[in-house]
């Protein structure tokens, strides 16, 4: 069986943590930032975790399972 390629878009957007969870970045931080408050922009900078409903799909794209 041939090697499986990972989805390039997924490998750019998600990282695996040490405990096996998937880390992601927040959206809405790239442009139109003038109308957003400092607090909003600061909170969007922090990374979050992928929701458990989406984990299986993303792991499949990254060939982790």
PDB file of N, CA and C in Angstrom:
ATOM      1  N   UNK A   1       0.839  -1.187   0.000  1.00  0.00           N
ATOM      2  CA  UNK A   1       0.000   0.000   0.000  1.00  0.00           C
ATOM      3  C   UNK A   1       0.885   1.253   0.000  1.00  0.00           C
ATOM      4  N   UNK A   2       0.547   2.281  -0.782  1.00  0.00           N
ATOM      5  CA  UNK A   2       1.388   3.485  -0.850  1.00  0.00           C
ATOM      6  C   UNK A   2       1.287   4.327   0.419  1.00  0.00           C
ATOM      7  N   UNK A   3       2.276   5.188   0.577  1.00  0.00           N
ATOM      8  CA  UNK A   3       2.263   6.103   1.714  1.00  0.00           C
ATOM      9  C   UNK A   3       1.096   7.072   1.568  1.00  0.00           C
ATOM     10  N   UNK A   4       0.528   7.487   2.706  1.00  0.00           N
ATOM     11  CA  UNK A   4      -0.560   8.454   2.693  1.00  0.00           C
ATOM     12  C   UNK A   4       0.000   9.856   2.882  1.00  0.00           C
ATOM     13  N   UNK A   5      -0.477  10.781   2.084  1.00  0.00           N
ATOM     14  CA  UNK A   5      -0.044  12.169   2.217  1.00  0.00           C
ATOM     15  C   UNK A   5      -0.944  12.882   3.226  1.00  0.00           C
ATOM     16  N   UNK A   6      -0.344  13.786   3.994  1.00  0.00           N
ATOM     17  CA  UNK A   6      -1.135  14.612   4.900  1.00  0.00           C
ATOM     18  C   UNK A   6      -1.686  15.795   4.118  1.00  0.00           C
ATOM     19  N   UNK A   7      -2.819  16.305   4.566  1.00  0.00           N
ATOM     20  CA  UNK A   7      -3.388  17.502   3.942  1.00  0.00           C
ATOM     21  C   UNK A   7      -2.532  18.700   4.336  1.00  0.00           C
ATOM     22  N   UNK A   8      -2.012  19.420   3.341  1.00  0.00           N
ATOM     23  CA  UNK A   8      -1.136  20.561   3.612  1.00  0.00           C
ATOM     24  C   UNK A   8      -1.832  21.633   4.432  1.00  0.00           C
ATOM     25  N   UNK A   9      -3.109  21.851   4.168  1.00  0.00           N
ATOM     26  CA  UNK A   9      -3.835  22.881   4.907  1.00  0.00           C
ATOM     27  C   UNK A   9      -3.951  22.511   6.375  1.00  0.00           C
ATOM     28  N   UNK A  10      -4.135  21.232   6.671  1.00  0.00           N
ATOM     29  CA  UNK A  10      -4.278  20.793   8.061  1.00  0.00           C
ATOM     30  C   UNK A  10      -2.959  20.859   8.813  1.00  0.00           C
ATOM     31  N   UNK A  11      -1.861  20.485   8.159  1.00  0.00           N
ATOM     32  CA  UNK A  11      -0.578  20.496   8.876  1.00  0.00           C
ATOM     33  C   UNK A  11      -0.104  21.911   9.168  1.00  0.00           C
ATOM     34  N   UNK A  12      -0.582  22.905   8.392  1.00  0.00           N
ATOM     35  CA  UNK A  12      -0.239  24.296   8.663  1.00  0.00           C
ATOM     36  C   UNK A  12      -1.060  24.859   9.818  1.00  0.00           C
ATOM     37  N   UNK A  13      -2.255  24.320  10.048  1.00  0.00           N
ATOM     38  CA  UNK A  13      -3.189  24.914  11.002  1.00  0.00           C
ATOM     39  C   UNK A  13      -3.243  24.235  12.363  1.00  0.00           C
ATOM     40  N   UNK A  14      -2.824  22.980  12.460  1.00  0.00           N
ATOM     41  CA  UNK A  14      -2.978  22.234  13.710  1.00  0.00           C
ATOM     42  C   UNK A  14      -1.666  21.633  14.162  1.00  0.00           C
ATOM     43  N   UNK A  15      -1.478  21.592  15.497  1.00  0.00           N
ATOM     44  CA  UNK A  15      -0.299  20.966  16.100  1.00  0.00           C
ATOM     45  C   UNK A  15      -0.795  20.009  17.178  1.00  0.00           C
ATOM     46  N   UNK A  16      -0.037  18.935  17.375  1.00  0.00           N
ATOM     47  CA  UNK A  16      -0.363  17.956  18.397  1.00  0.00           C
ATOM     48  C   UNK A  16       0.353  18.336  19.690  1.00  0.00           C
ATOM     49  N   UNK A  17      -0.377  18.319  20.820  1.00  0.00           N
ATOM     50  CA  UNK A  17       0.245  18.614  22.107  1.00  0.00           C
ATOM     51  C   UNK A  17       0.892  17.348  22.659  1.00  0.00           C
ATOM     52  N   UNK A  18       1.587  17.478  23.761  1.00  0.00           N
ATOM     53  CA  UNK A  18       2.257  16.341  24.371  1.00  0.00           C
ATOM     54  C   UNK A  18       1.296  15.281  24.862  1.00  0.00           C
ATOM     55  N   UNK A  19       0.091  15.689  25.236  1.00  0.00           N
ATOM     56  CA  UNK A  19      -0.901  14.733  25.748  1.00  0.00           C
ATOM     57  C   UNK A  19      -1.800  14.186  24.643  1.00  0.00           C
ATOM     58  N   UNK A  20      -1.540  14.582  23.391  1.00  0.00           N
ATOM     59  CA  UNK A  20      -2.302  14.039  22.268  1.00  0.00           C
ATOM     60  C   UNK A  20      -3.492  14.859  21.841  1.00  0.00           C
ATOM     61  N   UNK A  21      -3.664  16.041  22.425  1.00  0.00           N
ATOM     62  CA  UNK A  21      -4.758  16.916  22.011  1.00  0.00           C
ATOM     63  C   UNK A  21      -4.310  17.737  20.803  1.00  0.00           C
ATOM     64  N   UNK A  22      -5.272  18.318  20.101  1.00  0.00           N
ATOM     65  CA  UNK A  22      -4.956  19.138  18.930  1.00  0.00           C
ATOM     66  C   UNK A  22      -5.101  20.617  19.270  1.00  0.00           C
ATOM     67  N   UNK A  23      -4.044  21.368  18.960  1.00  0.00           N
ATOM     68  CA  UNK A  23      -4.008  22.796  19.231  1.00  0.00           C
ATOM     69  C   UNK A  23      -4.368  23.544  17.954  1.00  0.00           C
ATOM     70  N   UNK A  24      -5.063  24.680  18.100  1.00  0.00           N
ATOM     71  CA  UNK A  24      -5.453  25.485  16.946  1.00  0.00           C
ATOM     72  C   UNK A  24      -5.337  26.962  17.297  1.00  0.00           C
ATOM     73  N   UNK A  25      -5.374  27.787  16.262  1.00  0.00           N
ATOM     74  CA  UNK A  25      -5.369  29.236  16.475  1.00  0.00           C
ATOM     75  C   UNK A  25      -6.786  29.769  16.293  1.00  0.00           C
ATOM     76  N   UNK A  26      -7.033  30.929  16.863  1.00  0.00           N
ATOM     77  CA  UNK A  26      -8.338  31.569  16.720  1.00  0.00           C
ATOM     78  C   UNK A  26      -8.450  32.292  15.385  1.00  0.00           C
ATOM     79  N   UNK A  27      -9.659  32.387  14.884  1.00  0.00           N
ATOM     80  CA  UNK A  27      -9.930  33.120  13.656  1.00  0.00           C
ATOM     81  C   UNK A  27     -10.176  34.603  13.983  1.00  0.00           C
ATOM     82  N   UNK A  28     -10.407  35.393  12.962  1.00  0.00           N
ATOM     83  CA  UNK A  28     -10.772  36.818  13.083  1.00  0.00           C
ATOM     84  C   UNK A  28      -9.654  37.680  13.657  1.00  0.00           C
ATOM     85  N   UNK A  29      -8.402  37.339  13.397  1.00  0.00           N
ATOM     86  CA  UNK A  29      -7.279  38.135  13.907  1.00  0.00           C
ATOM     87  C   UNK A  29      -6.416  38.687  12.779  1.00  0.00           C
ATOM     88  N   UNK A  30      -6.857  38.559  11.516  1.00  0.00           N
ATOM     89  CA  UNK A  30      -5.984  38.942  10.411  1.00  0.00           C
ATOM     90  C   UNK A  30      -6.231  40.355   9.869  1.00  0.00           C
ATOM     91  N   UNK A  31      -7.467  40.796   9.818  1.00  0.00           N
ATOM     92  CA  UNK A  31      -7.738  42.142   9.301  1.00  0.00           C
ATOM     93  C   UNK A  31      -9.023  42.675   9.907  1.00  0.00           C
ATOM     94  N   UNK A  32      -9.348  43.931   9.590  1.00  0.00           N
ATOM     95  CA  UNK A  32     -10.466  44.678  10.195  1.00  0.00           C
ATOM     96  C   UNK A  32     -10.332  44.650  11.725  1.00  0.00           C
ATOM     97  N   UNK A  33      -9.164  45.067  12.195  1.00  0.00           N
ATOM     98  CA  UNK A  33      -8.889  45.013  13.626  1.00  0.00           C
ATOM     99  C   UNK A  33      -9.214  46.326  14.344  1.00  0.00           C
ATOM    100  N   UNK A  34      -9.513  47.372  13.576  1.00  0.00           N
ATOM    101  CA  UNK A  34      -9.742  48.682  14.210  1.00  0.00           C
ATOM    102  C   UNK A  34     -11.022  48.704  15.035  1.00  0.00           C
ATOM    103  N   UNK A  35     -12.021  47.959  14.616  1.00  0.00           N
ATOM    104  CA  UNK A  35     -13.289  47.971  15.356  1.00  0.00           C
ATOM    105  C   UNK A  35     -13.322  46.979  16.512  1.00  0.00           C
ATOM    106  N   UNK A  36     -12.287  46.171  16.652  1.00  0.00           N
ATOM    107  CA  UNK A  36     -12.236  45.207  17.744  1.00  0.00           C
ATOM    108  C   UNK A  36     -11.500  45.808  18.933  1.00  0.00           C
ATOM    109  N   UNK A  37     -11.943  45.463  20.124  1.00  0.00           N
ATOM    110  CA  UNK A  37     -11.320  46.006  21.326  1.00  0.00           C
ATOM    111  C   UNK A  37      -9.965  45.337  21.574  1.00  0.00           C
ATOM    112  N   UNK A  38      -9.152  45.987  22.415  1.00  0.00           N
ATOM    113  CA  UNK A  38      -7.843  45.429  22.761  1.00  0.00           C
ATOM    114  C   UNK A  38      -7.998  44.068  23.426  1.00  0.00           C
ATOM    115  N   UNK A  39      -8.999  43.964  24.282  1.00  0.00           N
ATOM    116  CA  UNK A  39      -9.238  42.706  25.001  1.00  0.00           C
ATOM    117  C   UNK A  39      -9.598  41.587  24.020  1.00  0.00           C
ATOM    118  N   UNK A  40     -10.424  41.910  23.047  1.00  0.00           N
ATOM    119  CA  UNK A  40     -10.834  40.928  22.032  1.00  0.00           C
ATOM    120  C   UNK A  40      -9.624  40.423  21.248  1.00  0.00           C
ATOM    121  N   UNK A  41      -8.791  41.355  20.791  1.00  0.00           N
ATOM    122  CA  UNK A  41      -7.611  40.996  19.997  1.00  0.00           C
ATOM    123  C   UNK A  41      -6.607  40.199  20.834  1.00  0.00           C
ATOM    124  N   UNK A  42      -6.463  40.566  22.095  1.00  0.00           N
ATOM    125  CA  UNK A  42      -5.542  39.858  22.991  1.00  0.00           C
ATOM    126  C   UNK A  42      -6.006  38.416  23.210  1.00  0.00           C
ATOM    127  N   UNK A  43      -7.307  38.232  23.391  1.00  0.00           N
ATOM    128  CA  UNK A  43      -7.836  36.889  23.616  1.00  0.00           C
ATOM    129  C   UNK A  43      -7.784  36.031  22.362  1.00  0.00           C
ATOM    130  N   UNK A  44      -7.857  36.646  21.188  1.00  0.00           N
ATOM    131  CA  UNK A  44      -7.764  35.894  19.936  1.00  0.00           C
ATOM    132  C   UNK A  44      -6.336  35.424  19.658  1.00  0.00           C
ATOM    133  N   UNK A  45      -5.349  36.066  20.297  1.00  0.00           N
ATOM    134  CA  UNK A  45      -3.954  35.688  20.095  1.00  0.00           C
ATOM    135  C   UNK A  45      -3.647  34.329  20.713  1.00  0.00           C
ATOM    136  N   UNK A  46      -4.304  34.025  21.830  1.00  0.00           N
ATOM    137  CA  UNK A  46      -4.044  32.770  22.537  1.00  0.00           C
ATOM    138  C   UNK A  46      -4.553  31.587  21.720  1.00  0.00           C
ATOM    139  N   UNK A  47      -3.864  30.465  21.852  1.00  0.00           N
ATOM    140  CA  UNK A  47      -4.294  29.277  21.112  1.00  0.00           C
ATOM    141  C   UNK A  47      -5.372  28.539  21.892  1.00  0.00           C
ATOM    142  N   UNK A  48      -6.157  27.746  21.171  1.00  0.00           N
ATOM    143  CA  UNK A  48      -7.214  26.963  21.785  1.00  0.00           C
ATOM    144  C   UNK A  48      -7.081  25.509  21.395  1.00  0.00           C
ATOM    145  N   UNK A  49      -8.011  24.704  21.855  1.00  0.00           N
ATOM    146  CA  UNK A  49      -8.019  23.288  21.516  1.00  0.00           C
ATOM    147  C   UNK A  49      -9.165  23.004  20.548  1.00  0.00           C
ATOM    148  N   UNK A  50      -8.975  21.993  19.728  1.00  0.00           N
ATOM    149  CA  UNK A  50      -9.999  21.585  18.770  1.00  0.00           C
ATOM    150  C   UNK A  50     -11.124  20.892  19.527  1.00  0.00           C
ATOM    151  N   UNK A  51     -12.360  21.156  19.142  1.00  0.00           N
ATOM    152  CA  UNK A  51     -13.523  20.542  19.772  1.00  0.00           C
ATOM    153  C   UNK A  51     -13.517  19.039  19.529  1.00  0.00           C
ATOM    154  N   UNK A  52     -14.003  18.276  20.512  1.00  0.00           N
ATOM    155  CA  UNK A  52     -13.928  16.813  20.426  1.00  0.00           C
ATOM    156  C   UNK A  52     -14.712  16.246  19.247  1.00  0.00           C
ATOM    157  N   UNK A  53     -15.719  16.982  18.753  1.00  0.00           N
ATOM    158  CA  UNK A  53     -16.492  16.517  17.601  1.00  0.00           C
ATOM    159  C   UNK A  53     -15.672  16.570  16.314  1.00  0.00           C
ATOM    160  N   UNK A  54     -14.656  17.413  16.283  1.00  0.00           N
ATOM    161  CA  UNK A  54     -13.849  17.591  15.072  1.00  0.00           C
ATOM    162  C   UNK A  54     -12.509  16.857  15.116  1.00  0.00           C
ATOM    163  N   UNK A  55     -12.143  16.322  16.266  1.00  0.00           N
ATOM    164  CA  UNK A  55     -10.813  15.724  16.437  1.00  0.00           C
ATOM    165  C   UNK A  55     -10.580  14.565  15.473  1.00  0.00           C
ATOM    166  N   UNK A  56     -11.541  13.663  15.345  1.00  0.00           N
ATOM    167  CA  UNK A  56     -11.356  12.478  14.491  1.00  0.00           C
ATOM    168  C   UNK A  56     -11.127  12.881  13.040  1.00  0.00           C
ATOM    169  N   UNK A  57     -11.867  13.871  12.571  1.00  0.00           N
ATOM    170  CA  UNK A  57     -11.747  14.333  11.191  1.00  0.00           C
ATOM    171  C   UNK A  57     -10.369  14.938  10.929  1.00  0.00           C
ATOM    172  N   UNK A  58      -9.887  15.733  11.858  1.00  0.00           N
ATOM    173  CA  UNK A  58      -8.588  16.391  11.681  1.00  0.00           C
ATOM    174  C   UNK A  58      -7.450  15.380  11.805  1.00  0.00           C
ATOM    175  N   UNK A  59      -7.583  14.426  12.719  1.00  0.00           N
ATOM    176  CA  UNK A  59      -6.549  13.390  12.863  1.00  0.00           C
ATOM    177  C   UNK A  59      -6.467  12.554  11.594  1.00  0.00           C
ATOM    178  N   UNK A  60      -7.594  12.355  10.935  1.00  0.00           N
ATOM    179  CA  UNK A  60      -7.606  11.614   9.668  1.00  0.00           C
ATOM    180  C   UNK A  60      -6.852  12.409   8.594  1.00  0.00           C
ATOM    181  N   UNK A  61      -7.042  13.724   8.578  1.00  0.00           N
ATOM    182  CA  UNK A  61      -6.362  14.571   7.601  1.00  0.00           C
ATOM    183  C   UNK A  61      -4.857  14.599   7.855  1.00  0.00           C
ATOM    184  N   UNK A  62      -4.464  14.457   9.121  1.00  0.00           N
ATOM    185  CA  UNK A  62      -3.052  14.466   9.479  1.00  0.00           C
ATOM    186  C   UNK A  62      -2.456  13.058   9.500  1.00  0.00           C
ATOM    187  N   UNK A  63      -3.256  12.049   9.194  1.00  0.00           N
ATOM    188  CA  UNK A  63      -2.841  10.640   9.204  1.00  0.00           C
ATOM    189  C   UNK A  63      -2.282  10.213  10.557  1.00  0.00           C
ATOM    190  N   UNK A  64      -2.976  10.579  11.631  1.00  0.00           N
ATOM    191  CA  UNK A  64      -2.531  10.233  12.966  1.00  0.00           C
ATOM    192  C   UNK A  64      -3.231   9.004  13.532  1.00  0.00           C
ATOM    193  N   UNK A  65      -4.361   8.617  12.958  1.00  0.00           N
ATOM    194  CA  UNK A  65      -5.083   7.475  13.527  1.00  0.00           C
ATOM    195  C   UNK A  65      -5.068   6.283  12.606  1.00  0.00           C
TER     196      UNK A  65
END
